[in-house]
Amino acid sequence: MSPTARGPQPGLHPRRLDVDEYQALAPEKVELLDGWVFGVPEFPDERVKAIRTVLINMGLLEVVRHAPLALWREALDRVYK
C-alpha cells in the first residue's frame, strides 16, 4: 500500500467500513492459491485491497502488535528511504 493510495486509509484506531467501502475493497472470496491468500504476489491489486480492509477494521495500533518492533522499523526504513 502506498501512502498516496486512493480510497479509504487505515487510521490508528479501528473503524467500521460502510457497505460501499466494503464492496470496493473486500475480495469476493478468500481462497488459498498455491500457498498464497488473496491471489499471487505478481498481481497485487486484490491483495492490497484485502489487506487495507483488515488494516482499516483493526486499526494500526492493534496491527503493529503482531510483528516485532525491529521488523516494523526495517520495513519502514526500506519503504520510506
C-alpha atoms as a PDB file:
ATOM      1  CA  MET A   1       0.000   0.000   0.000  1.00  0.00           C
ATOM      2  CA  SER A   2       1.296   3.364  -0.966  1.00  0.00           C
ATOM      3  CA  PRO A   3       0.967   6.425   1.285  1.00  0.00           C
ATOM      4  CA  THR A   4      -0.607   8.106  -1.741  1.00  0.00           C
ATOM      5  CA  ALA A   5      -3.102   5.299  -2.384  1.00  0.00           C
ATOM      6  CA  ARG A   6      -6.626   6.415  -3.120  1.00  0.00           C
ATOM      7  CA  GLY A   7      -9.645   5.308  -1.204  1.00  0.00           C
ATOM      8  CA  PRO A   8     -10.183   4.746   2.495  1.00  0.00           C
ATOM      9  CA  GLN A   9      -6.988   4.767   4.522  1.00  0.00           C
ATOM     10  CA  PRO A  10      -6.185   2.935   7.747  1.00  0.00           C
ATOM     11  CA  GLY A  11      -6.050   5.004  10.907  1.00  0.00           C
ATOM     12  CA  LEU A  12      -4.612   4.398  14.336  1.00  0.00           C
ATOM     13  CA  HIS A  13      -7.912   3.157  15.726  1.00  0.00           C
ATOM     14  CA  PRO A  14     -10.276   0.538  14.334  1.00  0.00           C
ATOM     15  CA  ARG A  15     -13.252   1.740  12.391  1.00  0.00           C
ATOM     16  CA  ARG A  16     -16.241   0.255  10.713  1.00  0.00           C
ATOM     17  CA  LEU A  17     -16.463   0.059   6.954  1.00  0.00           C
ATOM     18  CA  ASP A  18     -19.611   1.175   5.231  1.00  0.00           C
ATOM     19  CA  VAL A  19     -21.174  -1.064   2.586  1.00  0.00           C
ATOM     20  CA  ASP A  20     -19.676   0.875  -0.331  1.00  0.00           C
ATOM     21  CA  GLU A  21     -16.156   0.684   1.146  1.00  0.00           C
ATOM     22  CA  TYR A  22     -16.541  -2.999   1.844  1.00  0.00           C
ATOM     23  CA  GLN A  23     -17.754  -3.751  -1.667  1.00  0.00           C
ATOM     24  CA  ALA A  24     -14.900  -1.731  -3.165  1.00  0.00           C
ATOM     25  CA  LEU A  25     -12.167  -3.339  -1.044  1.00  0.00           C
ATOM     26  CA  ALA A  26     -13.128  -6.820   0.124  1.00  0.00           C
ATOM     27  CA  PRO A  27     -12.335  -9.797  -2.074  1.00  0.00           C
ATOM     28  CA  GLU A  28     -15.247 -11.734  -3.469  1.00  0.00           C
ATOM     29  CA  LYS A  29     -13.983 -14.804  -1.636  1.00  0.00           C
ATOM     30  CA  VAL A  30     -10.970 -15.811   0.386  1.00  0.00           C
ATOM     31  CA  GLU A  31      -9.022 -18.671  -1.109  1.00  0.00           C
ATOM     32  CA  LEU A  32      -5.605 -20.257  -0.872  1.00  0.00           C
ATOM     33  CA  LEU A  33      -3.876 -20.389  -4.254  1.00  0.00           C
ATOM     34  CA  ASP A  34      -0.543 -22.180  -4.414  1.00  0.00           C
ATOM     35  CA  GLY A  35       0.140 -21.167  -0.812  1.00  0.00           C
ATOM     36  CA  TRP A  36      -0.974 -17.530  -1.256  1.00  0.00           C
ATOM     37  CA  VAL A  37      -4.075 -15.934   0.268  1.00  0.00           C
ATOM     38  CA  PHE A  38      -5.929 -13.283  -1.800  1.00  0.00           C
ATOM     39  CA  GLY A  39      -4.064 -14.095  -5.016  1.00  0.00           C
ATOM     40  CA  VAL A  40      -0.434 -14.321  -6.047  1.00  0.00           C
ATOM     41  CA  PRO A  41       2.176 -11.586  -5.420  1.00  0.00           C
ATOM     42  CA  GLU A  42       2.628 -10.985  -9.149  1.00  0.00           C
ATOM     43  CA  PHE A  43      -0.886  -9.469  -9.230  1.00  0.00           C
ATOM     44  CA  PRO A  44      -1.056  -7.417  -6.022  1.00  0.00           C
ATOM     45  CA  ASP A  45      -4.205  -5.318  -6.562  1.00  0.00           C
ATOM     46  CA  GLU A  46      -6.652  -7.692  -4.869  1.00  0.00           C
ATOM     47  CA  ARG A  47      -4.152  -8.480  -2.112  1.00  0.00           C
ATOM     48  CA  VAL A  48      -3.635  -4.791  -1.340  1.00  0.00           C
ATOM     49  CA  LYS A  49      -7.368  -4.109  -1.198  1.00  0.00           C
ATOM     50  CA  ALA A  50      -7.972  -7.089   1.103  1.00  0.00           C
ATOM     51  CA  ILE A  51      -5.175  -6.069   3.476  1.00  0.00           C
ATOM     52  CA  ARG A  52      -6.380  -2.460   3.502  1.00  0.00           C
ATOM     53  CA  THR A  53      -9.806  -3.731   4.585  1.00  0.00           C
ATOM     54  CA  VAL A  54      -8.234  -5.508   7.560  1.00  0.00           C
ATOM     55  CA  LEU A  55      -5.973  -2.554   8.454  1.00  0.00           C
ATOM     56  CA  ILE A  56      -8.923  -0.144   8.491  1.00  0.00           C
ATOM     57  CA  ASN A  57     -11.083  -2.506  10.504  1.00  0.00           C
ATOM     58  CA  MET A  58      -8.366  -3.379  13.055  1.00  0.00           C
ATOM     59  CA  GLY A  59      -6.592  -0.020  13.348  1.00  0.00           C
ATOM     60  CA  LEU A  60      -2.835   0.339  13.120  1.00  0.00           C
ATOM     61  CA  LEU A  61      -2.309   0.369  16.901  1.00  0.00           C
ATOM     62  CA  GLU A  62      -3.592  -3.209  17.025  1.00  0.00           C
ATOM     63  CA  VAL A  63      -1.939  -4.328  13.788  1.00  0.00           C
ATOM     64  CA  VAL A  64       1.585  -3.393  14.893  1.00  0.00           C
ATOM     65  CA  ARG A  65       1.306  -5.666  17.918  1.00  0.00           C
ATOM     66  CA  HIS A  66       1.505  -8.698  15.630  1.00  0.00           C
ATOM     67  CA  ALA A  67       5.129  -8.368  14.488  1.00  0.00           C
ATOM     68  CA  PRO A  68       8.348  -7.468  16.327  1.00  0.00           C
ATOM     69  CA  LEU A  69       9.324  -3.793  16.519  1.00  0.00           C
ATOM     70  CA  ALA A  70      12.614  -4.443  14.719  1.00  0.00           C
ATOM     71  CA  LEU A  71      10.751  -5.785  11.668  1.00  0.00           C
ATOM     72  CA  TRP A  72       8.413  -2.779  11.572  1.00  0.00           C
ATOM     73  CA  ARG A  73      11.417  -0.442  11.697  1.00  0.00           C
ATOM     74  CA  GLU A  74      13.205  -2.339   8.933  1.00  0.00           C
ATOM     75  CA  ALA A  75      10.106  -2.342   6.745  1.00  0.00           C
ATOM     76  CA  LEU A  76       9.508   1.378   7.278  1.00  0.00           C
ATOM     77  CA  ASP A  77      13.159   2.161   6.551  1.00  0.00           C
ATOM     78  CA  ARG A  78      13.058   0.168   3.308  1.00  0.00           C
ATOM     79  CA  VAL A  79       9.803   1.712   2.058  1.00  0.00           C
ATOM     80  CA  TYR A  80      10.298   5.346   3.094  1.00  0.00           C
ATOM     81  CA  LYS A  81      14.023   5.931   2.479  1.00  0.00           C
END
